[in-house]
Amino acid sequence: MNPENALRRRLLLAGAAGLVAATALPGTADAQSAEAVEPDIDSTGAWGARSPQGNIRVLQYRPSRIIVHHTVSANTSDFSRAQAHAHAHWVQNLHMDKNGWADTGYHFLVSRGGWITEGRHGSLKGLTGKTTFPLGTHTAGQNDYAVGIANEGAYHDGAVPPRAQWEVLVTLCAYVCDRYGIPATRLYGHKDYGDTLCPGVFHDMLPRLRDEVGAALA
């Protein structure tokens, strides 16, 4: 396993172990304050994002759902953090230069190696504060209500996500649900709201995703 990938997974597992330890002690202060595991998220500043083209509107309320996407990028075997950053640049350039959007349309991206990058500026700040989120551009008719999470790769032709990507997607979704008070049952795929193949096989895996996120929150 790539050393960077191994370290990331150890950190996630350590956090999960701490959460289990806290919830295993009913009646203690730690048990009462237990929260979902906070994943490592590289901010727009950390991966060197371009500045938005214009202002990003911040919605002064919580989102009510998560919508899962895939980016239809190459199914690379490079699972490094550097590749995750390169992918974030690729998505931002596509959305800003080709689509004419102000910034990356998704709030967060999960690489095939299991690295998370902030997509739209302000997404991480909103998640930390728990009461606001920036208006995204990822699902017509749902951008006012949903956090958009996109997975690196193309999954409409039978490909399946690598284990690291899936595990970190579950961790991220659980954390977003915890911070914003979103039930695990309110996880959807892009195709639930439009005529699209997105998010490919992830749509078929939504029942499993809801179950695993629900378990992480229990």
N, C-alpha and C. Protein backbone atom coordinates (compact mmCIF):
# COMPACT_ATOMS: atom_id res chain seq x y z
N MET A 1 0.84 -1.19 0.00
CA MET A 1 0.00 0.00 0.00
C MET A 1 0.88 1.24 0.00
N ASN A 2 0.49 2.25 -0.72
CA ASN A 2 1.19 3.51 -0.74
C ASN A 2 1.33 4.05 0.68
N PRO A 3 2.54 4.53 1.11
CA PRO A 3 2.73 5.00 2.49
C PRO A 3 1.77 6.11 2.87
N GLU A 4 1.52 7.05 1.94
CA GLU A 4 0.58 8.13 2.24
C GLU A 4 -0.82 7.57 2.49
N ASN A 5 -1.21 6.61 1.65
CA ASN A 5 -2.53 6.01 1.78
C ASN A 5 -2.65 5.25 3.10
N ALA A 6 -1.59 4.55 3.47
CA ALA A 6 -1.59 3.79 4.71
C ALA A 6 -1.73 4.73 5.91
N LEU A 7 -1.02 5.87 5.87
CA LEU A 7 -1.11 6.82 6.97
C LEU A 7 -2.51 7.38 7.08
N ARG A 8 -3.11 7.75 5.96
CA ARG A 8 -4.47 8.31 5.99
C ARG A 8 -5.44 7.32 6.60
N ARG A 9 -5.33 6.05 6.21
CA ARG A 9 -6.25 5.04 6.70
C ARG A 9 -6.03 4.78 8.19
N ARG A 10 -4.76 4.84 8.66
CA ARG A 10 -4.50 4.68 10.09
C ARG A 10 -5.14 5.80 10.88
N LEU A 11 -5.07 7.03 10.36
CA LEU A 11 -5.68 8.17 11.05
C LEU A 11 -7.19 8.01 11.13
N LEU A 12 -7.80 7.56 10.04
CA LEU A 12 -9.24 7.37 10.05
C LEU A 12 -9.65 6.28 11.03
N LEU A 13 -8.89 5.17 11.02
CA LEU A 13 -9.21 4.07 11.91
C LEU A 13 -9.00 4.46 13.37
N ALA A 14 -7.96 5.28 13.62
CA ALA A 14 -7.72 5.74 14.99
C ALA A 14 -8.87 6.60 15.46
N GLY A 15 -9.35 7.47 14.57
CA GLY A 15 -10.48 8.30 14.93
C GLY A 15 -11.72 7.48 15.20
N ALA A 16 -11.95 6.48 14.36
CA ALA A 16 -13.12 5.62 14.54
C ALA A 16 -13.01 4.85 15.84
N ALA A 17 -11.80 4.39 16.18
CA ALA A 17 -11.60 3.66 17.42
C ALA A 17 -11.90 4.55 18.62
N GLY A 18 -11.51 5.82 18.53
CA GLY A 18 -11.79 6.75 19.61
C GLY A 18 -13.27 6.97 19.78
N LEU A 19 -14.00 7.02 18.67
CA LEU A 19 -15.44 7.20 18.73
C LEU A 19 -16.11 5.98 19.36
N VAL A 20 -15.66 4.80 18.98
CA VAL A 20 -16.23 3.58 19.56
C VAL A 20 -15.96 3.54 21.05
N ALA A 21 -14.74 3.92 21.45
CA ALA A 21 -14.40 3.91 22.87
C ALA A 21 -15.30 4.86 23.65
N ALA A 22 -15.59 6.01 23.07
CA ALA A 22 -16.43 6.98 23.75
C ALA A 22 -17.85 6.47 23.90
N THR A 23 -18.39 5.89 22.84
CA THR A 23 -19.77 5.44 22.89
C THR A 23 -19.92 4.17 23.73
N ALA A 24 -18.82 3.51 24.03
CA ALA A 24 -18.89 2.29 24.82
C ALA A 24 -18.97 2.57 26.32
N LEU A 25 -18.92 3.85 26.71
CA LEU A 25 -18.95 4.21 28.11
C LEU A 25 -20.17 5.06 28.41
N PRO A 26 -21.35 4.48 28.48
CA PRO A 26 -22.56 5.26 28.71
C PRO A 26 -22.51 5.98 30.05
N GLY A 27 -23.04 7.20 30.07
CA GLY A 27 -23.10 7.97 31.30
C GLY A 27 -21.88 8.84 31.53
N THR A 28 -20.85 8.70 30.69
CA THR A 28 -19.67 9.54 30.84
C THR A 28 -19.80 10.76 29.97
N ALA A 29 -18.99 11.78 30.25
CA ALA A 29 -19.01 13.00 29.45
C ALA A 29 -18.60 12.71 28.02
N ASP A 30 -17.61 11.83 27.83
CA ASP A 30 -17.15 11.50 26.49
C ASP A 30 -18.24 10.85 25.67
N ALA A 31 -19.01 9.97 26.30
CA ALA A 31 -20.07 9.28 25.58
C ALA A 31 -21.14 10.26 25.13
N GLN A 32 -21.43 11.25 25.95
CA GLN A 32 -22.49 12.18 25.62
C GLN A 32 -22.07 13.16 24.53
N SER A 33 -20.75 13.37 24.35
CA SER A 33 -20.29 14.36 23.38
C SER A 33 -19.70 13.72 22.13
N ALA A 34 -19.88 12.40 21.99
CA ALA A 34 -19.31 11.70 20.84
C ALA A 34 -19.88 12.25 19.54
N GLU A 35 -19.02 12.39 18.54
CA GLU A 35 -19.42 12.89 17.24
C GLU A 35 -18.85 11.98 16.17
N ALA A 36 -19.35 12.15 14.95
CA ALA A 36 -18.81 11.39 13.83
C ALA A 36 -17.34 11.74 13.63
N VAL A 37 -16.59 10.78 13.12
CA VAL A 37 -15.16 10.98 12.88
C VAL A 37 -14.96 12.13 11.90
N GLU A 38 -14.08 13.06 12.25
CA GLU A 38 -13.77 14.17 11.36
C GLU A 38 -12.68 13.74 10.38
N PRO A 39 -12.97 13.71 9.10
CA PRO A 39 -11.96 13.29 8.13
C PRO A 39 -10.97 14.41 7.82
N ASP A 40 -9.87 14.04 7.24
CA ASP A 40 -8.87 15.00 6.79
C ASP A 40 -9.33 15.58 5.45
N ILE A 41 -9.61 16.87 5.42
CA ILE A 41 -10.09 17.53 4.20
C ILE A 41 -9.10 18.61 3.81
N ASP A 42 -8.55 18.53 2.60
CA ASP A 42 -7.65 19.57 2.11
C ASP A 42 -8.47 20.75 1.58
N SER A 43 -8.27 21.91 2.18
CA SER A 43 -9.02 23.11 1.79
C SER A 43 -8.60 23.59 0.41
N THR A 44 -9.38 24.52 -0.13
CA THR A 44 -9.03 25.11 -1.43
C THR A 44 -7.64 25.75 -1.37
N GLY A 45 -7.30 26.31 -0.21
CA GLY A 45 -5.97 26.90 -0.06
C GLY A 45 -4.88 25.85 -0.07
N ALA A 46 -5.17 24.69 0.53
CA ALA A 46 -4.16 23.62 0.62
C ALA A 46 -3.80 23.07 -0.74
N TRP A 47 -4.78 22.95 -1.64
CA TRP A 47 -4.46 22.40 -2.96
C TRP A 47 -4.26 23.48 -4.02
N GLY A 48 -4.31 24.75 -3.62
CA GLY A 48 -3.97 25.83 -4.54
C GLY A 48 -5.04 26.14 -5.55
N ALA A 49 -6.30 26.17 -5.11
CA ALA A 49 -7.40 26.48 -6.03
C ALA A 49 -7.32 27.91 -6.56
N ARG A 50 -7.86 28.11 -7.74
CA ARG A 50 -8.01 29.45 -8.28
C ARG A 50 -9.09 30.20 -7.50
N SER A 51 -9.01 31.52 -7.51
CA SER A 51 -10.05 32.32 -6.88
C SER A 51 -11.33 32.22 -7.71
N PRO A 52 -12.49 32.26 -7.06
CA PRO A 52 -13.75 32.20 -7.81
C PRO A 52 -13.90 33.40 -8.76
N GLN A 53 -14.67 33.18 -9.81
CA GLN A 53 -15.01 34.26 -10.75
C GLN A 53 -16.30 34.92 -10.26
N GLY A 54 -16.17 35.86 -9.35
CA GLY A 54 -17.34 36.49 -8.77
C GLY A 54 -17.59 35.97 -7.37
N ASN A 55 -18.66 36.47 -6.76
CA ASN A 55 -18.99 36.10 -5.39
C ASN A 55 -19.72 34.76 -5.33
N ILE A 56 -19.44 34.01 -4.28
CA ILE A 56 -20.14 32.76 -4.01
C ILE A 56 -21.21 33.05 -2.96
N ARG A 57 -22.46 32.80 -3.31
CA ARG A 57 -23.55 33.06 -2.38
C ARG A 57 -23.55 32.02 -1.26
N VAL A 58 -23.61 32.50 -0.03
CA VAL A 58 -23.66 31.62 1.14
C VAL A 58 -25.10 31.57 1.64
N LEU A 59 -25.67 30.39 1.70
CA LEU A 59 -27.04 30.19 2.14
C LEU A 59 -27.07 30.14 3.66
N GLN A 60 -27.94 30.90 4.26
CA GLN A 60 -27.95 31.06 5.71
C GLN A 60 -28.86 30.03 6.40
N TYR A 61 -28.69 28.78 6.00
CA TYR A 61 -29.41 27.68 6.63
C TYR A 61 -28.67 26.39 6.31
N ARG A 62 -29.12 25.31 6.94
CA ARG A 62 -28.47 24.02 6.73
C ARG A 62 -29.01 23.32 5.49
N PRO A 63 -28.16 22.57 4.78
CA PRO A 63 -28.68 21.72 3.71
C PRO A 63 -29.47 20.57 4.29
N SER A 64 -30.33 19.98 3.49
CA SER A 64 -31.20 18.90 3.99
C SER A 64 -30.87 17.54 3.41
N ARG A 65 -29.89 17.46 2.51
CA ARG A 65 -29.56 16.19 1.88
C ARG A 65 -28.15 16.24 1.29
N ILE A 66 -27.66 15.06 0.91
CA ILE A 66 -26.38 14.93 0.21
C ILE A 66 -26.67 14.29 -1.14
N ILE A 67 -26.04 14.80 -2.19
CA ILE A 67 -26.17 14.20 -3.52
C ILE A 67 -24.79 13.75 -3.99
N VAL A 68 -24.69 12.47 -4.34
CA VAL A 68 -23.43 11.84 -4.73
C VAL A 68 -23.28 11.90 -6.25
N HIS A 69 -22.05 12.19 -6.70
CA HIS A 69 -21.72 12.30 -8.12
C HIS A 69 -20.44 11.51 -8.41
N HIS A 70 -20.15 11.36 -9.71
CA HIS A 70 -18.81 10.99 -10.13
C HIS A 70 -18.35 12.03 -11.15
N THR A 71 -17.05 12.18 -11.31
CA THR A 71 -16.54 13.27 -12.15
C THR A 71 -16.26 12.85 -13.59
N VAL A 72 -16.41 11.56 -13.88
CA VAL A 72 -16.15 11.02 -15.23
C VAL A 72 -14.74 11.38 -15.69
N SER A 73 -13.82 11.34 -14.74
CA SER A 73 -12.40 11.51 -15.05
C SER A 73 -11.78 10.11 -15.19
N ALA A 74 -10.50 10.07 -15.49
CA ALA A 74 -9.82 8.78 -15.68
C ALA A 74 -9.83 7.97 -14.39
N ASN A 75 -9.98 6.66 -14.52
CA ASN A 75 -9.90 5.76 -13.37
C ASN A 75 -8.43 5.45 -13.09
N THR A 76 -7.75 6.46 -12.60
CA THR A 76 -6.31 6.38 -12.40
C THR A 76 -5.94 5.38 -11.31
N SER A 77 -4.73 4.83 -11.43
CA SER A 77 -4.19 3.96 -10.39
C SER A 77 -3.24 4.75 -9.49
N ASP A 78 -3.14 6.05 -9.71
CA ASP A 78 -2.34 6.92 -8.86
C ASP A 78 -3.21 7.35 -7.69
N PHE A 79 -2.96 6.80 -6.53
CA PHE A 79 -3.78 7.05 -5.35
C PHE A 79 -3.15 8.09 -4.42
N SER A 80 -2.21 8.87 -4.90
CA SER A 80 -1.49 9.81 -4.06
C SER A 80 -2.30 11.07 -3.76
N ARG A 81 -1.86 11.77 -2.75
CA ARG A 81 -2.47 13.05 -2.40
C ARG A 81 -2.24 14.07 -3.52
N ALA A 82 -1.07 14.01 -4.15
CA ALA A 82 -0.77 14.91 -5.26
C ALA A 82 -1.77 14.71 -6.40
N GLN A 83 -2.14 13.47 -6.67
CA GLN A 83 -3.13 13.19 -7.71
C GLN A 83 -4.49 13.75 -7.33
N ALA A 84 -4.85 13.66 -6.05
CA ALA A 84 -6.12 14.24 -5.59
C ALA A 84 -6.14 15.74 -5.84
N HIS A 85 -5.01 16.39 -5.60
CA HIS A 85 -4.93 17.83 -5.85
C HIS A 85 -5.00 18.13 -7.35
N ALA A 86 -4.33 17.32 -8.13
CA ALA A 86 -4.38 17.51 -9.59
C ALA A 86 -5.80 17.33 -10.10
N HIS A 87 -6.51 16.36 -9.54
CA HIS A 87 -7.89 16.12 -9.94
C HIS A 87 -8.77 17.31 -9.56
N ALA A 88 -8.54 17.88 -8.38
CA ALA A 88 -9.32 19.05 -7.95
C ALA A 88 -9.10 20.21 -8.92
N HIS A 89 -7.86 20.40 -9.38
CA HIS A 89 -7.57 21.44 -10.37
C HIS A 89 -8.29 21.15 -11.68
N TRP A 90 -8.27 19.90 -12.10
CA TRP A 90 -8.92 19.51 -13.36
C TRP A 90 -10.41 19.82 -13.31
N VAL A 91 -11.07 19.48 -12.20
CA VAL A 91 -12.50 19.73 -12.07
C VAL A 91 -12.77 21.23 -12.04
N GLN A 92 -11.98 21.98 -11.28
CA GLN A 92 -12.23 23.43 -11.21
C GLN A 92 -12.04 24.09 -12.57
N ASN A 93 -10.99 23.72 -13.28
CA ASN A 93 -10.77 24.30 -14.60
C ASN A 93 -11.91 23.96 -15.56
N LEU A 94 -12.39 22.73 -15.51
CA LEU A 94 -13.50 22.31 -16.35
C LEU A 94 -14.74 23.14 -16.06
N HIS A 95 -15.06 23.28 -14.79
CA HIS A 95 -16.28 23.99 -14.40
C HIS A 95 -16.20 25.49 -14.67
N MET A 96 -15.03 26.06 -14.47
CA MET A 96 -14.90 27.50 -14.66
C MET A 96 -14.67 27.88 -16.13
N ASP A 97 -13.81 27.14 -16.81
CA ASP A 97 -13.41 27.52 -18.17
C ASP A 97 -14.34 26.98 -19.25
N LYS A 98 -14.87 25.78 -19.06
CA LYS A 98 -15.77 25.20 -20.05
C LYS A 98 -17.24 25.47 -19.73
N ASN A 99 -17.61 25.26 -18.48
CA ASN A 99 -19.01 25.45 -18.10
C ASN A 99 -19.36 26.90 -17.80
N GLY A 100 -18.35 27.72 -17.53
CA GLY A 100 -18.60 29.13 -17.24
C GLY A 100 -19.14 29.39 -15.85
N TRP A 101 -18.88 28.45 -14.92
CA TRP A 101 -19.37 28.62 -13.56
C TRP A 101 -18.38 29.45 -12.75
N ALA A 102 -18.83 29.95 -11.62
CA ALA A 102 -17.99 30.81 -10.79
C ALA A 102 -16.86 30.05 -10.12
N ASP A 103 -17.04 28.77 -9.89
CA ASP A 103 -16.09 27.97 -9.12
C ASP A 103 -16.41 26.50 -9.37
N THR A 104 -15.71 25.60 -8.69
CA THR A 104 -16.07 24.19 -8.73
C THR A 104 -17.52 24.03 -8.31
N GLY A 105 -18.26 23.21 -9.03
CA GLY A 105 -19.68 23.05 -8.72
C GLY A 105 -19.95 22.23 -7.49
N TYR A 106 -19.08 21.24 -7.21
CA TYR A 106 -19.27 20.35 -6.06
C TYR A 106 -18.70 20.99 -4.79
N HIS A 107 -19.24 20.61 -3.66
CA HIS A 107 -18.72 21.10 -2.39
C HIS A 107 -17.44 20.36 -1.99
N PHE A 108 -17.43 19.05 -2.22
CA PHE A 108 -16.27 18.24 -1.85
C PHE A 108 -16.02 17.18 -2.91
N LEU A 109 -14.76 16.74 -3.03
CA LEU A 109 -14.39 15.67 -3.95
C LEU A 109 -13.63 14.60 -3.18
N VAL A 110 -13.87 13.33 -3.53
CA VAL A 110 -13.16 12.20 -2.93
C VAL A 110 -12.36 11.51 -4.03
N SER A 111 -11.05 11.46 -3.86
CA SER A 111 -10.20 10.86 -4.89
C SER A 111 -10.24 9.34 -4.81
N ARG A 112 -9.74 8.69 -5.84
CA ARG A 112 -9.71 7.24 -5.86
C ARG A 112 -8.78 6.69 -4.78
N GLY A 113 -7.83 7.50 -4.33
CA GLY A 113 -6.95 7.09 -3.26
C GLY A 113 -7.49 7.40 -1.87
N GLY A 114 -8.68 8.02 -1.80
CA GLY A 114 -9.29 8.29 -0.51
C GLY A 114 -8.90 9.62 0.11
N TRP A 115 -8.45 10.56 -0.71
CA TRP A 115 -8.15 11.91 -0.22
C TRP A 115 -9.34 12.81 -0.51
N ILE A 116 -9.67 13.68 0.44
CA ILE A 116 -10.80 14.59 0.27
C ILE A 116 -10.27 16.00 0.01
N THR A 117 -10.83 16.65 -1.00
CA THR A 117 -10.51 18.04 -1.25
C THR A 117 -11.78 18.88 -1.21
N GLU A 118 -11.67 20.07 -0.67
CA GLU A 118 -12.77 21.02 -0.72
C GLU A 118 -12.92 21.48 -2.17
N GLY A 119 -14.14 21.49 -2.66
CA GLY A 119 -14.38 21.93 -4.03
C GLY A 119 -14.72 23.41 -4.07
N ARG A 120 -15.96 23.73 -3.83
CA ARG A 120 -16.39 25.12 -3.84
C ARG A 120 -15.85 25.87 -2.62
N HIS A 121 -15.31 27.06 -2.87
CA HIS A 121 -14.81 27.89 -1.77
C HIS A 121 -15.91 28.10 -0.73
N GLY A 122 -15.53 28.01 0.52
CA GLY A 122 -16.46 28.23 1.62
C GLY A 122 -17.16 26.98 2.12
N SER A 123 -16.98 25.86 1.43
CA SER A 123 -17.67 24.63 1.84
C SER A 123 -17.17 24.13 3.18
N LEU A 124 -15.87 24.16 3.39
CA LEU A 124 -15.30 23.68 4.64
C LEU A 124 -15.66 24.60 5.79
N LYS A 125 -15.65 25.90 5.55
CA LYS A 125 -16.04 26.86 6.58
C LYS A 125 -17.50 26.66 6.99
N GLY A 126 -18.36 26.46 6.01
CA GLY A 126 -19.77 26.22 6.31
C GLY A 126 -19.97 24.95 7.09
N LEU A 127 -19.24 23.90 6.72
CA LEU A 127 -19.36 22.62 7.41
C LEU A 127 -18.88 22.74 8.86
N THR A 128 -17.81 23.48 9.07
CA THR A 128 -17.28 23.67 10.42
C THR A 128 -18.27 24.44 11.29
N GLY A 129 -18.91 25.45 10.70
CA GLY A 129 -19.86 26.26 11.44
C GLY A 129 -21.20 25.60 11.67
N LYS A 130 -21.57 24.66 10.82
CA LYS A 130 -22.77 23.82 10.97
C LYS A 130 -24.10 24.52 10.65
N THR A 131 -24.08 25.79 10.27
CA THR A 131 -25.36 26.48 10.07
C THR A 131 -25.53 27.09 8.68
N THR A 132 -24.50 27.11 7.86
CA THR A 132 -24.58 27.68 6.52
C THR A 132 -23.86 26.78 5.53
N PHE A 133 -24.09 27.01 4.23
CA PHE A 133 -23.30 26.33 3.20
C PHE A 133 -23.36 27.15 1.92
N PRO A 134 -22.30 27.11 1.11
CA PRO A 134 -22.29 27.88 -0.13
C PRO A 134 -23.17 27.23 -1.19
N LEU A 135 -23.84 28.05 -1.95
CA LEU A 135 -24.66 27.56 -3.05
C LEU A 135 -23.78 26.89 -4.08
N GLY A 136 -24.03 25.61 -4.35
CA GLY A 136 -23.23 24.87 -5.32
C GLY A 136 -23.83 24.94 -6.71
N THR A 137 -23.20 24.22 -7.65
CA THR A 137 -23.71 24.11 -9.02
C THR A 137 -23.48 22.66 -9.44
N HIS A 138 -24.29 21.76 -8.91
CA HIS A 138 -24.04 20.34 -9.19
C HIS A 138 -25.29 19.57 -9.59
N THR A 139 -26.48 20.01 -9.17
CA THR A 139 -27.70 19.28 -9.48
C THR A 139 -28.83 20.27 -9.70
N ALA A 140 -29.34 20.35 -10.91
CA ALA A 140 -30.40 21.31 -11.22
C ALA A 140 -31.60 21.12 -10.30
N GLY A 141 -32.06 22.22 -9.73
CA GLY A 141 -33.22 22.19 -8.86
C GLY A 141 -32.94 21.79 -7.43
N GLN A 142 -31.70 21.38 -7.12
CA GLN A 142 -31.37 20.91 -5.78
C GLN A 142 -30.22 21.68 -5.13
N ASN A 143 -29.64 22.61 -5.84
CA ASN A 143 -28.46 23.30 -5.31
C ASN A 143 -28.74 24.11 -4.06
N ASP A 144 -29.98 24.54 -3.89
CA ASP A 144 -30.36 25.30 -2.69
C ASP A 144 -30.49 24.41 -1.46
N TYR A 145 -30.50 23.09 -1.64
CA TYR A 145 -30.82 22.19 -0.54
C TYR A 145 -29.75 21.15 -0.25
N ALA A 146 -28.84 20.93 -1.17
CA ALA A 146 -27.98 19.75 -1.08
C ALA A 146 -26.49 20.04 -1.11
N VAL A 147 -25.75 19.24 -0.35
CA VAL A 147 -24.30 19.20 -0.44
C VAL A 147 -23.94 18.23 -1.56
N GLY A 148 -23.12 18.68 -2.50
CA GLY A 148 -22.70 17.83 -3.61
C GLY A 148 -21.32 17.25 -3.34
N ILE A 149 -21.23 15.92 -3.35
CA ILE A 149 -19.96 15.22 -3.15
C ILE A 149 -19.67 14.40 -4.40
N ALA A 150 -18.53 14.67 -5.03
CA ALA A 150 -18.18 13.99 -6.27
C ALA A 150 -16.99 13.06 -6.07
N ASN A 151 -17.07 11.90 -6.69
CA ASN A 151 -16.02 10.90 -6.62
C ASN A 151 -15.19 10.89 -7.90
N GLU A 152 -13.88 10.93 -7.73
CA GLU A 152 -12.98 10.87 -8.88
C GLU A 152 -13.18 9.57 -9.63
N GLY A 153 -13.30 9.65 -10.96
CA GLY A 153 -13.41 8.45 -11.77
C GLY A 153 -14.69 8.38 -12.56
N ALA A 154 -14.77 7.39 -13.44
CA ALA A 154 -15.95 7.14 -14.28
C ALA A 154 -16.52 5.78 -13.90
N TYR A 155 -17.78 5.76 -13.47
CA TYR A 155 -18.36 4.54 -12.90
C TYR A 155 -19.65 4.12 -13.58
N HIS A 156 -19.82 4.51 -14.85
CA HIS A 156 -21.04 4.12 -15.55
C HIS A 156 -20.82 2.93 -16.48
N ASP A 157 -19.63 2.37 -16.54
CA ASP A 157 -19.36 1.24 -17.43
C ASP A 157 -18.89 0.01 -16.67
N GLY A 158 -19.38 -0.17 -15.47
CA GLY A 158 -19.06 -1.38 -14.72
C GLY A 158 -17.90 -1.25 -13.75
N ALA A 159 -17.20 -0.11 -13.76
CA ALA A 159 -16.10 0.07 -12.82
C ALA A 159 -16.65 0.18 -11.40
N VAL A 160 -15.85 -0.21 -10.42
CA VAL A 160 -16.25 -0.09 -9.02
C VAL A 160 -15.22 0.76 -8.29
N PRO A 161 -15.63 1.49 -7.28
CA PRO A 161 -14.69 2.36 -6.56
C PRO A 161 -13.67 1.55 -5.77
N PRO A 162 -12.43 2.04 -5.71
CA PRO A 162 -11.45 1.38 -4.85
C PRO A 162 -11.90 1.42 -3.39
N ARG A 163 -11.40 0.49 -2.60
CA ARG A 163 -11.81 0.40 -1.19
C ARG A 163 -11.57 1.71 -0.44
N ALA A 164 -10.39 2.32 -0.67
CA ALA A 164 -10.06 3.56 0.05
C ALA A 164 -11.06 4.66 -0.28
N GLN A 165 -11.45 4.76 -1.53
CA GLN A 165 -12.41 5.79 -1.92
C GLN A 165 -13.76 5.57 -1.25
N TRP A 166 -14.20 4.33 -1.25
CA TRP A 166 -15.50 4.03 -0.63
C TRP A 166 -15.48 4.31 0.87
N GLU A 167 -14.44 3.84 1.54
CA GLU A 167 -14.37 4.04 2.99
C GLU A 167 -14.37 5.51 3.37
N VAL A 168 -13.65 6.32 2.61
CA VAL A 168 -13.58 7.74 2.93
C VAL A 168 -14.86 8.45 2.52
N LEU A 169 -15.53 7.99 1.46
CA LEU A 169 -16.84 8.54 1.12
C LEU A 169 -17.81 8.34 2.28
N VAL A 170 -17.81 7.14 2.85
CA VAL A 170 -18.68 6.86 4.00
C VAL A 170 -18.34 7.80 5.16
N THR A 171 -17.06 7.94 5.45
CA THR A 171 -16.63 8.80 6.55
C THR A 171 -17.04 10.25 6.32
N LEU A 172 -16.84 10.75 5.10
CA LEU A 172 -17.20 12.13 4.78
C LEU A 172 -18.71 12.33 4.88
N CYS A 173 -19.48 11.42 4.30
CA CYS A 173 -20.94 11.55 4.36
C CYS A 173 -21.43 11.54 5.81
N ALA A 174 -20.85 10.66 6.63
CA ALA A 174 -21.26 10.61 8.03
C ALA A 174 -20.94 11.91 8.74
N TYR A 175 -19.79 12.49 8.43
CA TYR A 175 -19.39 13.74 9.06
C TYR A 175 -20.31 14.88 8.62
N VAL A 176 -20.62 14.95 7.33
CA VAL A 176 -21.53 15.99 6.83
C VAL A 176 -22.91 15.83 7.46
N CYS A 177 -23.39 14.59 7.53
CA CYS A 177 -24.69 14.34 8.16
C CYS A 177 -24.68 14.77 9.62
N ASP A 178 -23.61 14.47 10.32
CA ASP A 178 -23.51 14.81 11.74
C ASP A 178 -23.49 16.33 11.93
N ARG A 179 -22.69 17.02 11.14
CA ARG A 179 -22.54 18.46 11.31
C ARG A 179 -23.83 19.21 10.96
N TYR A 180 -24.51 18.75 9.94
CA TYR A 180 -25.70 19.47 9.47
C TYR A 180 -27.03 18.85 9.93
N GLY A 181 -26.96 17.75 10.66
CA GLY A 181 -28.19 17.12 11.12
C GLY A 181 -28.99 16.47 10.00
N ILE A 182 -28.30 15.92 9.01
CA ILE A 182 -28.94 15.26 7.87
C ILE A 182 -29.10 13.77 8.18
N PRO A 183 -30.28 13.20 8.08
CA PRO A 183 -30.43 11.75 8.30
C PRO A 183 -29.69 10.95 7.22
N ALA A 184 -29.17 9.80 7.59
CA ALA A 184 -28.47 8.95 6.62
C ALA A 184 -29.39 8.51 5.48
N THR A 185 -30.69 8.55 5.72
CA THR A 185 -31.65 8.17 4.68
C THR A 185 -31.75 9.20 3.57
N ARG A 186 -31.20 10.38 3.79
CA ARG A 186 -31.30 11.46 2.80
C ARG A 186 -30.01 11.61 2.00
N LEU A 187 -29.50 10.45 1.57
CA LEU A 187 -28.35 10.38 0.66
C LEU A 187 -28.88 9.94 -0.70
N TYR A 188 -28.60 10.72 -1.73
CA TYR A 188 -29.15 10.47 -3.05
C TYR A 188 -28.06 10.50 -4.12
N GLY A 189 -28.41 10.06 -5.30
CA GLY A 189 -27.52 10.15 -6.44
C GLY A 189 -28.03 11.20 -7.41
N HIS A 190 -27.13 11.71 -8.24
CA HIS A 190 -27.48 12.75 -9.21
C HIS A 190 -28.67 12.33 -10.08
N LYS A 191 -28.69 11.06 -10.48
CA LYS A 191 -29.75 10.61 -11.39
C LYS A 191 -31.12 10.57 -10.74
N ASP A 192 -31.20 10.70 -9.42
CA ASP A 192 -32.49 10.80 -8.76
C ASP A 192 -33.21 12.10 -9.12
N TYR A 193 -32.44 13.06 -9.64
CA TYR A 193 -33.00 14.38 -9.91
C TYR A 193 -32.84 14.83 -11.36
N GLY A 194 -32.51 13.92 -12.25
CA GLY A 194 -32.36 14.32 -13.65
C GLY A 194 -32.03 13.16 -14.55
N ASP A 195 -32.07 13.40 -15.84
CA ASP A 195 -31.77 12.40 -16.86
C ASP A 195 -30.26 12.34 -17.07
N THR A 196 -29.59 11.53 -16.29
CA THR A 196 -28.13 11.43 -16.32
C THR A 196 -27.71 10.04 -15.87
N LEU A 197 -26.53 9.62 -16.27
CA LEU A 197 -25.96 8.36 -15.80
C LEU A 197 -25.23 8.52 -14.47
N CYS A 198 -24.96 9.74 -14.09
CA CYS A 198 -24.24 10.05 -12.86
C CYS A 198 -25.07 9.67 -11.63
N PRO A 199 -24.51 9.01 -10.65
CA PRO A 199 -23.09 8.72 -10.40
C PRO A 199 -22.69 7.30 -10.76
N GLY A 200 -23.27 6.71 -11.79
CA GLY A 200 -22.89 5.37 -12.20
C GLY A 200 -23.20 4.34 -11.13
N VAL A 201 -22.24 3.45 -10.89
CA VAL A 201 -22.46 2.35 -9.95
C VAL A 201 -22.71 2.84 -8.52
N PHE A 202 -22.27 4.06 -8.22
CA PHE A 202 -22.54 4.60 -6.88
C PHE A 202 -24.04 4.68 -6.61
N HIS A 203 -24.82 4.86 -7.66
CA HIS A 203 -26.27 4.92 -7.46
C HIS A 203 -26.81 3.57 -6.99
N ASP A 204 -26.29 2.49 -7.59
CA ASP A 204 -26.70 1.15 -7.18
C ASP A 204 -26.24 0.85 -5.75
N MET A 205 -25.18 1.54 -5.31
CA MET A 205 -24.60 1.30 -3.99
C MET A 205 -25.19 2.21 -2.91
N LEU A 206 -26.16 3.05 -3.28
CA LEU A 206 -26.73 3.98 -2.30
C LEU A 206 -27.34 3.28 -1.08
N PRO A 207 -28.07 2.16 -1.24
CA PRO A 207 -28.59 1.49 -0.03
C PRO A 207 -27.48 1.09 0.94
N ARG A 208 -26.38 0.59 0.40
CA ARG A 208 -25.23 0.24 1.24
C ARG A 208 -24.63 1.50 1.87
N LEU A 209 -24.54 2.57 1.10
CA LEU A 209 -23.98 3.82 1.62
C LEU A 209 -24.82 4.34 2.78
N ARG A 210 -26.15 4.32 2.61
CA ARG A 210 -27.02 4.78 3.69
C ARG A 210 -26.85 3.92 4.94
N ASP A 211 -26.75 2.60 4.74
CA ASP A 211 -26.59 1.70 5.87
C ASP A 211 -25.27 1.97 6.62
N GLU A 212 -24.18 2.13 5.87
CA GLU A 212 -22.88 2.30 6.50
C GLU A 212 -22.76 3.67 7.15
N VAL A 213 -23.33 4.68 6.53
CA VAL A 213 -23.34 6.01 7.14
C VAL A 213 -24.19 6.00 8.40
N GLY A 214 -25.35 5.33 8.32
CA GLY A 214 -26.20 5.22 9.49
C GLY A 214 -25.49 4.52 10.64
N ALA A 215 -24.74 3.47 10.31
CA ALA A 215 -23.99 2.75 11.35
C ALA A 215 -22.92 3.64 11.96
N ALA A 216 -22.28 4.47 11.13
CA ALA A 216 -21.25 5.37 11.64
C ALA A 216 -21.82 6.43 12.56
N LEU A 217 -23.08 6.77 12.34
CA LEU A 217 -23.73 7.78 13.15
C LEU A 217 -24.38 7.21 14.41
N ALA A 218 -24.61 5.90 14.43
CA ALA A 218 -25.35 5.28 15.54
C ALA A 218 -24.57 5.34 16.84
